[in-house]
Amino acid sequence: MTNWNLMRRKPALHHRARVIQSIRDFFMNRGFLEVETPFRIPAPAPESHIDAVEAAGWFLHTSPELCMKRLLAAGYERLFQICRCWRDGERGERHLPEFTMLEWYRAEAGYGDLMADCEWLLQFVAEKLQLGAKVVLGEREVPLRLPWERLTVREAFGRFASVSMDEALATDTFDEVMVREIEPNLGWDSPVFLQDYPAERGALARTRRDDPSVAERFELYLGGIELANGFSELTDAAEQRARFEDEMATRARLSRKTYPVPEKFLAELPAMPDSAGIAMGLDRLVMVLLNLPTIDDVVAFTPEEL
């Protein structure tokens, strides 16, 4: 019996394969080493809003970041990885509990360098897909020509939100306002980098030296859809431990599972040079590039079909 759901995705899966190949070409031509790190790890990076999936006493990674940063600390300079990741309970038109992530890391770099990488990467992939210098989302065209907009989180609250950033933080409604009032407005005239998040919203990010109240973190939006989250890396092990403890305390307060501390990562962190790293949802990127309405349209199987 023919499964028509699987058959109708065939064109999208062909395009997906071209996207993955073009991403590999992009990074390898720029001197990045492709690596594979273990999926199953003893301790994920604790983040208050992300739940890991348990696997025989350890956890399926929610991101390969801890292992990739340990490679930076060991002397690797430019790394990328395309891998499966797992986040418990995430399901929706733009979310899957098992999904594909692209991550890359650069030694002696900051978050501004990652923004430039994003600009060149998306233009390179769009060219390989013969999309021209634009992406079509629904009935609207979003040009990819440079420069892309850079907008601080504080500016975004002032432009789109019904409350200020400080008010949202004080009332613990920051994430809600972001999702409902700000994100849908981002990235329609061009892709936009939403940058300089409040320091308390950058658990693994370095704070700005000229303004410690904000983190050197950004998210990339295209047509109201978040594609990537990047930041300049925190390399102070004591500060990173304190932030992990804060995240654990928040998880406990919310009655969510707490995790072991990733001690080997913290032990090696002081050896990591000034660096920057970024995670980009590959399934979501393909969905946007192909102008498809849901993430289900660009994967071979959804969880419900297994």
C-alpha atoms as a PDB file:
ATOM      1  CA  MET A   1       0.000   0.000   0.000  1.00  0.00           C
ATOM      2  CA  THR A   2       1.439   3.386  -1.004  1.00  0.00           C
ATOM      3  CA  ASN A   3       1.836   5.942   1.764  1.00  0.00           C
ATOM      4  CA  TRP A   4       0.816   9.164   0.009  1.00  0.00           C
ATOM      5  CA  ASN A   5       2.046  11.359   2.862  1.00  0.00           C
ATOM      6  CA  LEU A   6       5.546  10.013   2.289  1.00  0.00           C
ATOM      7  CA  MET A   7       5.245  10.287  -1.483  1.00  0.00           C
ATOM      8  CA  ARG A   8       4.135  13.916  -1.489  1.00  0.00           C
ATOM      9  CA  ARG A   9       7.260  14.925   0.453  1.00  0.00           C
ATOM     10  CA  LYS A  10       9.602  13.530  -2.193  1.00  0.00           C
ATOM     11  CA  PRO A  11      10.310  16.896  -3.918  1.00  0.00           C
ATOM     12  CA  ALA A  12      10.935  18.596  -0.561  1.00  0.00           C
ATOM     13  CA  LEU A  13      13.304  15.825   0.524  1.00  0.00           C
ATOM     14  CA  HIS A  14      15.281  16.203  -2.702  1.00  0.00           C
ATOM     15  CA  HIS A  15      15.619  19.934  -1.994  1.00  0.00           C
ATOM     16  CA  ARG A  16      16.508  19.189   1.619  1.00  0.00           C
ATOM     17  CA  ALA A  17      19.396  16.996   0.461  1.00  0.00           C
ATOM     18  CA  ARG A  18      20.646  19.849  -1.744  1.00  0.00           C
ATOM     19  CA  VAL A  19      20.462  22.262   1.193  1.00  0.00           C
ATOM     20  CA  ILE A  20      22.514  19.916   3.389  1.00  0.00           C
ATOM     21  CA  GLN A  21      25.105  19.404   0.650  1.00  0.00           C
ATOM     22  CA  SER A  22      25.389  23.142   0.015  1.00  0.00           C
ATOM     23  CA  ILE A  23      25.841  23.795   3.747  1.00  0.00           C
ATOM     24  CA  ARG A  24      28.694  21.281   3.832  1.00  0.00           C
ATOM     25  CA  ASP A  25      30.278  22.903   0.769  1.00  0.00           C
ATOM     26  CA  PHE A  26      29.962  26.351   2.338  1.00  0.00           C
ATOM     27  CA  PHE A  27      31.750  25.451   5.555  1.00  0.00           C
ATOM     28  CA  MET A  28      34.374  23.136   4.123  1.00  0.00           C
ATOM     29  CA  ASN A  29      35.346  25.760   1.537  1.00  0.00           C
ATOM     30  CA  ARG A  30      35.936  28.155   4.451  1.00  0.00           C
ATOM     31  CA  GLY A  31      38.251  25.882   6.405  1.00  0.00           C
ATOM     32  CA  PHE A  32      35.756  24.441   8.898  1.00  0.00           C
ATOM     33  CA  LEU A  33      36.158  20.851  10.109  1.00  0.00           C
ATOM     34  CA  GLU A  34      32.998  18.750  10.170  1.00  0.00           C
ATOM     35  CA  VAL A  35      32.787  16.761  13.396  1.00  0.00           C
ATOM     36  CA  GLU A  36      30.465  14.213  14.976  1.00  0.00           C
ATOM     37  CA  THR A  37      30.008  14.173  18.732  1.00  0.00           C
ATOM     38  CA  PRO A  38      28.045  11.658  20.840  1.00  0.00           C
ATOM     39  CA  PHE A  39      24.260  11.930  20.919  1.00  0.00           C
ATOM     40  CA  ARG A  40      24.017  10.401  24.386  1.00  0.00           C
ATOM     41  CA  ILE A  41      25.728  12.417  27.127  1.00  0.00           C
ATOM     42  CA  PRO A  42      25.844  12.303  30.961  1.00  0.00           C
ATOM     43  CA  ALA A  43      24.652  15.902  31.470  1.00  0.00           C
ATOM     44  CA  PRO A  44      23.060  18.476  29.159  1.00  0.00           C
ATOM     45  CA  ALA A  45      23.544  22.207  29.548  1.00  0.00           C
ATOM     46  CA  PRO A  46      20.805  23.117  32.030  1.00  0.00           C
ATOM     47  CA  GLU A  47      18.348  25.609  30.546  1.00  0.00           C
ATOM     48  CA  SER A  48      15.117  26.425  32.324  1.00  0.00           C
ATOM     49  CA  HIS A  49      12.888  26.083  29.235  1.00  0.00           C
ATOM     50  CA  ILE A  50      14.451  23.039  27.503  1.00  0.00           C
ATOM     51  CA  ASP A  51      13.797  19.469  28.675  1.00  0.00           C
ATOM     52  CA  ALA A  52      16.168  16.651  27.758  1.00  0.00           C
ATOM     53  CA  VAL A  53      15.123  13.081  26.922  1.00  0.00           C
ATOM     54  CA  GLU A  54      16.516  10.424  29.266  1.00  0.00           C
ATOM     55  CA  ALA A  55      18.369   7.507  27.691  1.00  0.00           C
ATOM     56  CA  ALA A  56      19.583   4.627  29.869  1.00  0.00           C
ATOM     57  CA  GLY A  57      20.621   6.863  32.747  1.00  0.00           C
ATOM     58  CA  TRP A  58      22.140   9.575  30.560  1.00  0.00           C
ATOM     59  CA  PHE A  59      20.452  12.038  28.183  1.00  0.00           C
ATOM     60  CA  LEU A  60      20.043  12.504  24.446  1.00  0.00           C
ATOM     61  CA  HIS A  61      21.670  15.839  23.744  1.00  0.00           C
ATOM     62  CA  THR A  62      19.474  18.876  23.188  1.00  0.00           C
ATOM     63  CA  SER A  63      22.402  20.425  21.311  1.00  0.00           C
ATOM     64  CA  PRO A  64      25.988  19.326  20.609  1.00  0.00           C
ATOM     65  CA  GLU A  65      27.339  22.549  22.106  1.00  0.00           C
ATOM     66  CA  LEU A  66      29.091  21.204  25.218  1.00  0.00           C
ATOM     67  CA  CYS A  67      31.148  18.675  23.278  1.00  0.00           C
ATOM     68  CA  MET A  68      31.926  21.139  20.491  1.00  0.00           C
ATOM     69  CA  LYS A  69      33.122  23.726  22.998  1.00  0.00           C
ATOM     70  CA  ARG A  70      35.381  21.124  24.588  1.00  0.00           C
ATOM     71  CA  LEU A  71      36.926  20.655  21.134  1.00  0.00           C
ATOM     72  CA  LEU A  72      37.509  24.420  20.942  1.00  0.00           C
ATOM     73  CA  ALA A  73      39.210  24.214  24.328  1.00  0.00           C
ATOM     74  CA  ALA A  74      41.421  21.424  22.971  1.00  0.00           C
ATOM     75  CA  GLY A  75      42.688  23.663  20.169  1.00  0.00           C
ATOM     76  CA  TYR A  76      40.255  23.196  17.275  1.00  0.00           C
ATOM     77  CA  GLU A  77      39.599  26.521  15.559  1.00  0.00           C
ATOM     78  CA  ARG A  78      36.635  26.178  13.175  1.00  0.00           C
ATOM     79  CA  LEU A  79      34.032  23.442  13.595  1.00  0.00           C
ATOM     80  CA  PHE A  80      30.616  22.587  12.249  1.00  0.00           C
ATOM     81  CA  GLN A  81      28.177  19.727  12.780  1.00  0.00           C
ATOM     82  CA  ILE A  82      24.855  18.631  11.286  1.00  0.00           C
ATOM     83  CA  CYS A  83      23.190  16.260  13.712  1.00  0.00           C
ATOM     84  CA  ARG A  84      20.006  15.000  15.321  1.00  0.00           C
ATOM     85  CA  CYS A  85      18.919  16.586  18.603  1.00  0.00           C
ATOM     86  CA  TRP A  86      16.102  15.833  21.035  1.00  0.00           C
ATOM     87  CA  ARG A  87      13.933  18.080  23.215  1.00  0.00           C
ATOM     88  CA  ASP A  88      11.168  16.517  25.223  1.00  0.00           C
ATOM     89  CA  GLY A  89       7.645  17.814  24.693  1.00  0.00           C
ATOM     90  CA  GLU A  90       8.403  20.085  21.750  1.00  0.00           C
ATOM     91  CA  ARG A  91       5.779  19.619  19.029  1.00  0.00           C
ATOM     92  CA  GLY A  92       4.020  22.058  16.745  1.00  0.00           C
ATOM     93  CA  GLU A  93       4.024  23.489  13.239  1.00  0.00           C
ATOM     94  CA  ARG A  94       7.631  24.650  13.751  1.00  0.00           C
ATOM     95  CA  HIS A  95       8.823  22.151  16.371  1.00  0.00           C
ATOM     96  CA  LEU A  96       9.680  18.463  16.514  1.00  0.00           C
ATOM     97  CA  PRO A  97      10.873  16.486  19.553  1.00  0.00           C
ATOM     98  CA  GLU A  98      13.599  14.991  17.314  1.00  0.00           C
ATOM     99  CA  PHE A  99      15.049  17.416  14.799  1.00  0.00           C
ATOM    100  CA  THR A 100      18.171  18.289  12.828  1.00  0.00           C
ATOM    101  CA  MET A 101      20.509  21.029  14.012  1.00  0.00           C
ATOM    102  CA  LEU A 102      23.346  22.823  12.285  1.00  0.00           C
ATOM    103  CA  GLU A 103      25.900  24.239  14.690  1.00  0.00           C
ATOM    104  CA  TRP A 104      29.183  25.982  14.010  1.00  0.00           C
ATOM    105  CA  TYR A 105      31.883  27.474  16.232  1.00  0.00           C
ATOM    106  CA  ARG A 106      34.790  29.820  15.602  1.00  0.00           C
ATOM    107  CA  ALA A 107      37.787  30.518  17.829  1.00  0.00           C
ATOM    108  CA  GLU A 108      38.973  34.128  18.096  1.00  0.00           C
ATOM    109  CA  ALA A 109      35.572  35.395  16.966  1.00  0.00           C
ATOM    110  CA  GLY A 110      32.524  37.155  18.371  1.00  0.00           C
ATOM    111  CA  TYR A 111      28.830  37.218  17.668  1.00  0.00           C
ATOM    112  CA  GLY A 112      29.259  39.818  14.933  1.00  0.00           C
ATOM    113  CA  ASP A 113      31.353  37.324  12.967  1.00  0.00           C
ATOM    114  CA  LEU A 114      28.516  34.780  13.201  1.00  0.00           C
ATOM    115  CA  MET A 115      26.046  37.318  11.829  1.00  0.00           C
ATOM    116  CA  ALA A 116      28.273  37.732   8.776  1.00  0.00           C
ATOM    117  CA  ASP A 117      28.461  33.921   8.443  1.00  0.00           C
ATOM    118  CA  CYS A 118      24.655  33.760   8.432  1.00  0.00           C
ATOM    119  CA  GLU A 119      24.393  36.388   5.699  1.00  0.00           C
ATOM    120  CA  TRP A 120      26.800  34.600   3.405  1.00  0.00           C
ATOM    121  CA  LEU A 121      25.458  31.113   4.220  1.00  0.00           C
ATOM    122  CA  LEU A 122      21.824  31.875   3.407  1.00  0.00           C
ATOM    123  CA  GLN A 123      22.763  33.676   0.219  1.00  0.00           C
ATOM    124  CA  PHE A 124      24.967  30.722  -0.797  1.00  0.00           C
ATOM    125  CA  VAL A 125      22.230  28.150  -0.122  1.00  0.00           C
ATOM    126  CA  ALA A 126      19.556  30.241  -1.872  1.00  0.00           C
ATOM    127  CA  GLU A 127      21.787  30.476  -4.924  1.00  0.00           C
ATOM    128  CA  LYS A 128      22.288  26.701  -4.955  1.00  0.00           C
ATOM    129  CA  LEU A 129      18.488  26.268  -4.844  1.00  0.00           C
ATOM    130  CA  GLN A 130      18.163  28.851  -7.642  1.00  0.00           C
ATOM    131  CA  LEU A 131      15.946  31.063  -5.508  1.00  0.00           C
ATOM    132  CA  GLY A 132      17.701  34.261  -6.503  1.00  0.00           C
ATOM    133  CA  ALA A 133      18.322  36.972  -3.925  1.00  0.00           C
ATOM    134  CA  LYS A 134      15.026  36.461  -2.131  1.00  0.00           C
ATOM    135  CA  VAL A 135      12.900  34.055  -0.142  1.00  0.00           C
ATOM    136  CA  VAL A 136       9.146  33.765  -0.710  1.00  0.00           C
ATOM    137  CA  LEU A 137       7.017  33.310   2.413  1.00  0.00           C
ATOM    138  CA  GLY A 138       3.343  32.855   1.687  1.00  0.00           C
ATOM    139  CA  GLU A 139       2.594  35.613  -0.804  1.00  0.00           C
ATOM    140  CA  ARG A 140       5.404  37.912   0.355  1.00  0.00           C
ATOM    141  CA  GLU A 141       8.998  38.202  -0.825  1.00  0.00           C
ATOM    142  CA  VAL A 142      11.817  38.818   1.636  1.00  0.00           C
ATOM    143  CA  PRO A 143      14.986  40.086  -0.077  1.00  0.00           C
ATOM    144  CA  LEU A 144      18.297  38.576   0.989  1.00  0.00           C
ATOM    145  CA  ARG A 145      20.447  41.449  -0.271  1.00  0.00           C
ATOM    146  CA  LEU A 146      22.773  43.052   2.238  1.00  0.00           C
ATOM    147  CA  PRO A 147      22.796  44.677   4.707  1.00  0.00           C
ATOM    148  CA  TRP A 148      20.413  42.760   6.948  1.00  0.00           C
ATOM    149  CA  GLU A 149      18.775  44.658   9.780  1.00  0.00           C
ATOM    150  CA  ARG A 150      20.287  44.593  13.262  1.00  0.00           C
ATOM    151  CA  LEU A 151      17.864  45.389  16.056  1.00  0.00           C
ATOM    152  CA  THR A 152      18.489  45.271  19.805  1.00  0.00           C
ATOM    153  CA  VAL A 153      15.985  43.526  22.038  1.00  0.00           C
ATOM    154  CA  ARG A 154      15.324  46.797  23.857  1.00  0.00           C
ATOM    155  CA  GLU A 155      14.600  48.537  20.533  1.00  0.00           C
ATOM    156  CA  ALA A 156      12.279  45.706  19.502  1.00  0.00           C
ATOM    157  CA  PHE A 157      10.262  46.063  22.706  1.00  0.00           C
ATOM    158  CA  GLY A 158      10.016  49.794  22.101  1.00  0.00           C
ATOM    159  CA  ARG A 159       8.881  49.295  18.516  1.00  0.00           C
ATOM    160  CA  PHE A 160       6.466  46.357  18.782  1.00  0.00           C
ATOM    161  CA  ALA A 161       5.571  45.520  22.407  1.00  0.00           C
ATOM    162  CA  SER A 162       2.865  46.857  24.701  1.00  0.00           C
ATOM    163  CA  VAL A 163       5.332  46.975  27.621  1.00  0.00           C
ATOM    164  CA  SER A 164       9.002  47.860  27.969  1.00  0.00           C
ATOM    165  CA  MET A 165      11.703  45.235  28.166  1.00  0.00           C
ATOM    166  CA  ASP A 166      12.323  46.086  31.820  1.00  0.00           C
ATOM    167  CA  GLU A 167       8.618  45.731  32.649  1.00  0.00           C
ATOM    168  CA  ALA A 168       8.463  42.361  30.891  1.00  0.00           C
ATOM    169  CA  LEU A 169      11.463  41.109  32.853  1.00  0.00           C
ATOM    170  CA  ALA A 170      10.055  42.374  36.144  1.00  0.00           C
ATOM    171  CA  THR A 171       6.687  40.661  35.593  1.00  0.00           C
ATOM    172  CA  ASP A 172       8.225  37.448  34.184  1.00  0.00           C
ATOM    173  CA  THR A 173       6.385  37.956  30.856  1.00  0.00           C
ATOM    174  CA  PHE A 174       9.478  38.464  28.681  1.00  0.00           C
ATOM    175  CA  ASP A 175       9.112  35.222  26.715  1.00  0.00           C
ATOM    176  CA  GLU A 176       5.352  35.633  26.316  1.00  0.00           C
ATOM    177  CA  VAL A 177       5.694  39.164  24.935  1.00  0.00           C
ATOM    178  CA  MET A 178       8.485  38.068  22.637  1.00  0.00           C
ATOM    179  CA  VAL A 179       6.403  35.267  21.128  1.00  0.00           C
ATOM    180  CA  ARG A 180       3.102  37.104  20.838  1.00  0.00           C
ATOM    181  CA  GLU A 181       4.033  40.698  20.077  1.00  0.00           C
ATOM    182  CA  ILE A 182       7.588  40.893  18.736  1.00  0.00           C
ATOM    183  CA  GLU A 183       8.570  37.758  16.807  1.00  0.00           C
ATOM    184  CA  PRO A 184       5.682  37.886  14.267  1.00  0.00           C
ATOM    185  CA  ASN A 185       6.907  41.340  13.135  1.00  0.00           C
ATOM    186  CA  LEU A 186      10.535  40.424  12.565  1.00  0.00           C
ATOM    187  CA  GLY A 187      12.274  39.737   9.278  1.00  0.00           C
ATOM    188  CA  TRP A 188       9.801  40.841   6.597  1.00  0.00           C
ATOM    189  CA  ASP A 189      11.721  43.663   4.917  1.00  0.00           C
ATOM    190  CA  SER A 190      14.947  41.673   5.218  1.00  0.00           C
ATOM    191  CA  PRO A 191      16.241  39.002   7.575  1.00  0.00           C
ATOM    192  CA  VAL A 192      16.855  40.601  10.963  1.00  0.00           C
ATOM    193  CA  PHE A 193      19.338  39.924  13.727  1.00  0.00           C
ATOM    194  CA  LEU A 194      17.679  40.521  17.093  1.00  0.00           C
ATOM    195  CA  GLN A 195      20.688  41.172  19.318  1.00  0.00           C
ATOM    196  CA  ASP A 196      21.854  42.139  22.799  1.00  0.00           C
ATOM    197  CA  TYR A 197      19.494  40.107  24.956  1.00  0.00           C
ATOM    198  CA  PRO A 198      19.182  40.860  28.671  1.00  0.00           C
ATOM    199  CA  ALA A 199      22.046  39.146  30.487  1.00  0.00           C
ATOM    200  CA  GLU A 200      19.596  36.860  32.300  1.00  0.00           C
ATOM    201  CA  ARG A 201      18.465  35.538  28.895  1.00  0.00           C
ATOM    202  CA  GLY A 202      21.943  34.446  27.827  1.00  0.00           C
ATOM    203  CA  ALA A 203      22.827  31.462  30.022  1.00  0.00           C
ATOM    204  CA  LEU A 204      25.997  30.521  28.114  1.00  0.00           C
ATOM    205  CA  ALA A 205      26.758  33.888  26.499  1.00  0.00           C
ATOM    206  CA  ARG A 206      29.398  36.471  27.350  1.00  0.00           C
ATOM    207  CA  THR A 207      28.080  39.841  28.496  1.00  0.00           C
ATOM    208  CA  ARG A 208      29.061  42.967  26.608  1.00  0.00           C
ATOM    209  CA  ARG A 209      32.187  44.539  28.036  1.00  0.00           C
ATOM    210  CA  ASP A 210      30.749  48.026  27.570  1.00  0.00           C
ATOM    211  CA  ASP A 211      27.328  47.067  29.011  1.00  0.00           C
ATOM    212  CA  PRO A 212      27.237  44.017  31.322  1.00  0.00           C
ATOM    213  CA  SER A 213      23.435  44.221  31.532  1.00  0.00           C
ATOM    214  CA  VAL A 214      23.153  42.629  28.077  1.00  0.00           C
ATOM    215  CA  ALA A 215      24.580  39.457  26.569  1.00  0.00           C
ATOM    216  CA  GLU A 216      26.377  39.213  23.249  1.00  0.00           C
ATOM    217  CA  ARG A 217      23.590  37.022  21.942  1.00  0.00           C
ATOM    218  CA  PHE A 218      21.417  37.257  18.832  1.00  0.00           C
ATOM    219  CA  GLU A 219      18.648  35.369  17.092  1.00  0.00           C
ATOM    220  CA  LEU A 220      18.092  35.412  13.337  1.00  0.00           C
ATOM    221  CA  TYR A 221      14.521  35.911  12.112  1.00  0.00           C
ATOM    222  CA  LEU A 222      13.075  35.583   8.628  1.00  0.00           C
ATOM    223  CA  GLY A 223       9.393  36.246   8.048  1.00  0.00           C
ATOM    224  CA  GLY A 224       8.568  36.061  11.752  1.00  0.00           C
ATOM    225  CA  ILE A 225      10.339  32.696  12.124  1.00  0.00           C
ATOM    226  CA  GLU A 226      13.386  32.196  14.322  1.00  0.00           C
ATOM    227  CA  LEU A 227      16.102  30.350  12.406  1.00  0.00           C
ATOM    228  CA  ALA A 228      19.185  30.573  14.622  1.00  0.00           C
ATOM    229  CA  ASN A 229      20.511  31.484  18.054  1.00  0.00           C
ATOM    230  CA  GLY A 230      24.141  32.552  18.400  1.00  0.00           C
ATOM    231  CA  PHE A 231      26.418  34.258  20.892  1.00  0.00           C
ATOM    232  CA  SER A 232      29.918  35.103  21.986  1.00  0.00           C
ATOM    233  CA  GLU A 233      30.894  32.332  24.370  1.00  0.00           C
ATOM    234  CA  LEU A 234      31.321  32.718  28.098  1.00  0.00           C
ATOM    235  CA  THR A 235      34.733  31.326  29.113  1.00  0.00           C
ATOM    236  CA  ASP A 236      34.708  32.123  32.841  1.00  0.00           C
ATOM    237  CA  ALA A 237      34.126  28.741  34.497  1.00  0.00           C
ATOM    238  CA  ALA A 238      33.064  30.176  37.872  1.00  0.00           C
ATOM    239  CA  GLU A 239      30.522  32.466  36.239  1.00  0.00           C
ATOM    240  CA  GLN A 240      29.282  29.627  34.037  1.00  0.00           C
ATOM    241  CA  ARG A 241      28.823  27.372  37.079  1.00  0.00           C
ATOM    242  CA  ALA A 242      26.847  30.114  38.833  1.00  0.00           C
ATOM    243  CA  ARG A 243      24.602  30.508  35.788  1.00  0.00           C
ATOM    244  CA  PHE A 244      24.033  26.763  35.594  1.00  0.00           C
ATOM    245  CA  GLU A 245      23.039  26.806  39.257  1.00  0.00           C
ATOM    246  CA  ASP A 246      20.586  29.643  38.577  1.00  0.00           C
ATOM    247  CA  GLU A 247      19.048  27.660  35.715  1.00  0.00           C
ATOM    248  CA  MET A 248      18.784  24.579  37.944  1.00  0.00           C
ATOM    249  CA  ALA A 249      17.089  26.620  40.663  1.00  0.00           C
ATOM    250  CA  THR A 250      14.574  27.914  38.126  1.00  0.00           C
ATOM    251  CA  ARG A 251      13.901  24.377  36.902  1.00  0.00           C
ATOM    252  CA  ALA A 252      13.347  23.203  40.493  1.00  0.00           C
ATOM    253  CA  ARG A 253      10.986  26.113  41.154  1.00  0.00           C
ATOM    254  CA  LEU A 254       9.009  25.145  38.053  1.00  0.00           C
ATOM    255  CA  SER A 255       8.936  21.475  39.185  1.00  0.00           C
ATOM    256  CA  ARG A 256      11.006  20.417  36.173  1.00  0.00           C
ATOM    257  CA  LYS A 257      13.692  17.754  36.263  1.00  0.00           C
ATOM    258  CA  THR A 258      17.147  18.934  37.302  1.00  0.00           C
ATOM    259  CA  TYR A 259      20.310  17.572  35.707  1.00  0.00           C
ATOM    260  CA  PRO A 260      23.829  16.691  36.811  1.00  0.00           C
ATOM    261  CA  VAL A 261      26.394  19.461  36.452  1.00  0.00           C
ATOM    262  CA  PRO A 262      28.565  18.978  33.308  1.00  0.00           C
ATOM    263  CA  GLU A 263      31.789  18.941  35.301  1.00  0.00           C
ATOM    264  CA  LYS A 264      34.170  17.969  32.488  1.00  0.00           C
ATOM    265  CA  PHE A 265      32.921  20.860  30.397  1.00  0.00           C
ATOM    266  CA  LEU A 266      33.417  23.308  33.276  1.00  0.00           C
ATOM    267  CA  ALA A 267      36.887  21.915  33.996  1.00  0.00           C
ATOM    268  CA  GLU A 268      38.023  22.492  30.393  1.00  0.00           C
ATOM    269  CA  LEU A 269      36.225  25.804  29.838  1.00  0.00           C
ATOM    270  CA  PRO A 270      39.152  28.029  30.983  1.00  0.00           C
ATOM    271  CA  ALA A 271      41.220  26.641  28.095  1.00  0.00           C
ATOM    272  CA  MET A 272      38.686  27.798  25.494  1.00  0.00           C
ATOM    273  CA  PRO A 273      39.783  30.944  23.639  1.00  0.00           C
ATOM    274  CA  ASP A 274      37.469  33.842  22.914  1.00  0.00           C
ATOM    275  CA  SER A 275      34.955  32.116  20.664  1.00  0.00           C
ATOM    276  CA  ALA A 276      31.484  32.329  19.198  1.00  0.00           C
ATOM    277  CA  GLY A 277      28.962  29.606  18.389  1.00  0.00           C
ATOM    278  CA  ILE A 278      25.556  29.312  16.808  1.00  0.00           C
ATOM    279  CA  ALA A 279      22.735  26.786  16.430  1.00  0.00           C
ATOM    280  CA  MET A 280      20.470  26.853  13.378  1.00  0.00           C
ATOM    281  CA  GLY A 281      17.394  24.646  12.987  1.00  0.00           C
ATOM    282  CA  LEU A 282      17.965  22.881   9.687  1.00  0.00           C
ATOM    283  CA  ASP A 283      14.404  21.541   9.296  1.00  0.00           C
ATOM    284  CA  ARG A 284      13.016  25.028   9.879  1.00  0.00           C
ATOM    285  CA  LEU A 285      15.521  26.533   7.420  1.00  0.00           C
ATOM    286  CA  VAL A 286      14.398  24.121   4.694  1.00  0.00           C
ATOM    287  CA  MET A 287      10.752  24.878   5.492  1.00  0.00           C
ATOM    288  CA  VAL A 288      11.371  28.602   5.022  1.00  0.00           C
ATOM    289  CA  LEU A 289      13.469  28.262   1.869  1.00  0.00           C
ATOM    290  CA  LEU A 290      10.820  26.067   0.218  1.00  0.00           C
ATOM    291  CA  ASN A 291       7.903  28.267   1.370  1.00  0.00           C
ATOM    292  CA  LEU A 292       6.174  25.347   3.077  1.00  0.00           C
ATOM    293  CA  PRO A 293       3.705  25.893   5.934  1.00  0.00           C
ATOM    294  CA  THR A 294       4.902  23.364   8.521  1.00  0.00           C
ATOM    295  CA  ILE A 295       8.024  21.541   9.579  1.00  0.00           C
ATOM    296  CA  ASP A 296       6.193  18.263   8.891  1.00  0.00           C
ATOM    297  CA  ASP A 297       6.506  18.997   5.150  1.00  0.00           C
ATOM    298  CA  VAL A 298      10.317  18.742   5.129  1.00  0.00           C
ATOM    299  CA  VAL A 299      11.014  15.567   7.155  1.00  0.00           C
ATOM    300  CA  ALA A 300      10.659  11.978   5.976  1.00  0.00           C
ATOM    301  CA  PHE A 301       8.604  10.918   9.014  1.00  0.00           C
ATOM    302  CA  THR A 302       6.785  12.821  11.722  1.00  0.00           C
ATOM    303  CA  PRO A 303       6.595  11.245  15.199  1.00  0.00           C
ATOM    304  CA  GLU A 304       2.921  10.420  14.648  1.00  0.00           C
ATOM    305  CA  GLU A 305       3.745   8.368  11.539  1.00  0.00           C
ATOM    306  CA  LEU A 306       6.133   5.991  13.287  1.00  0.00           C
END
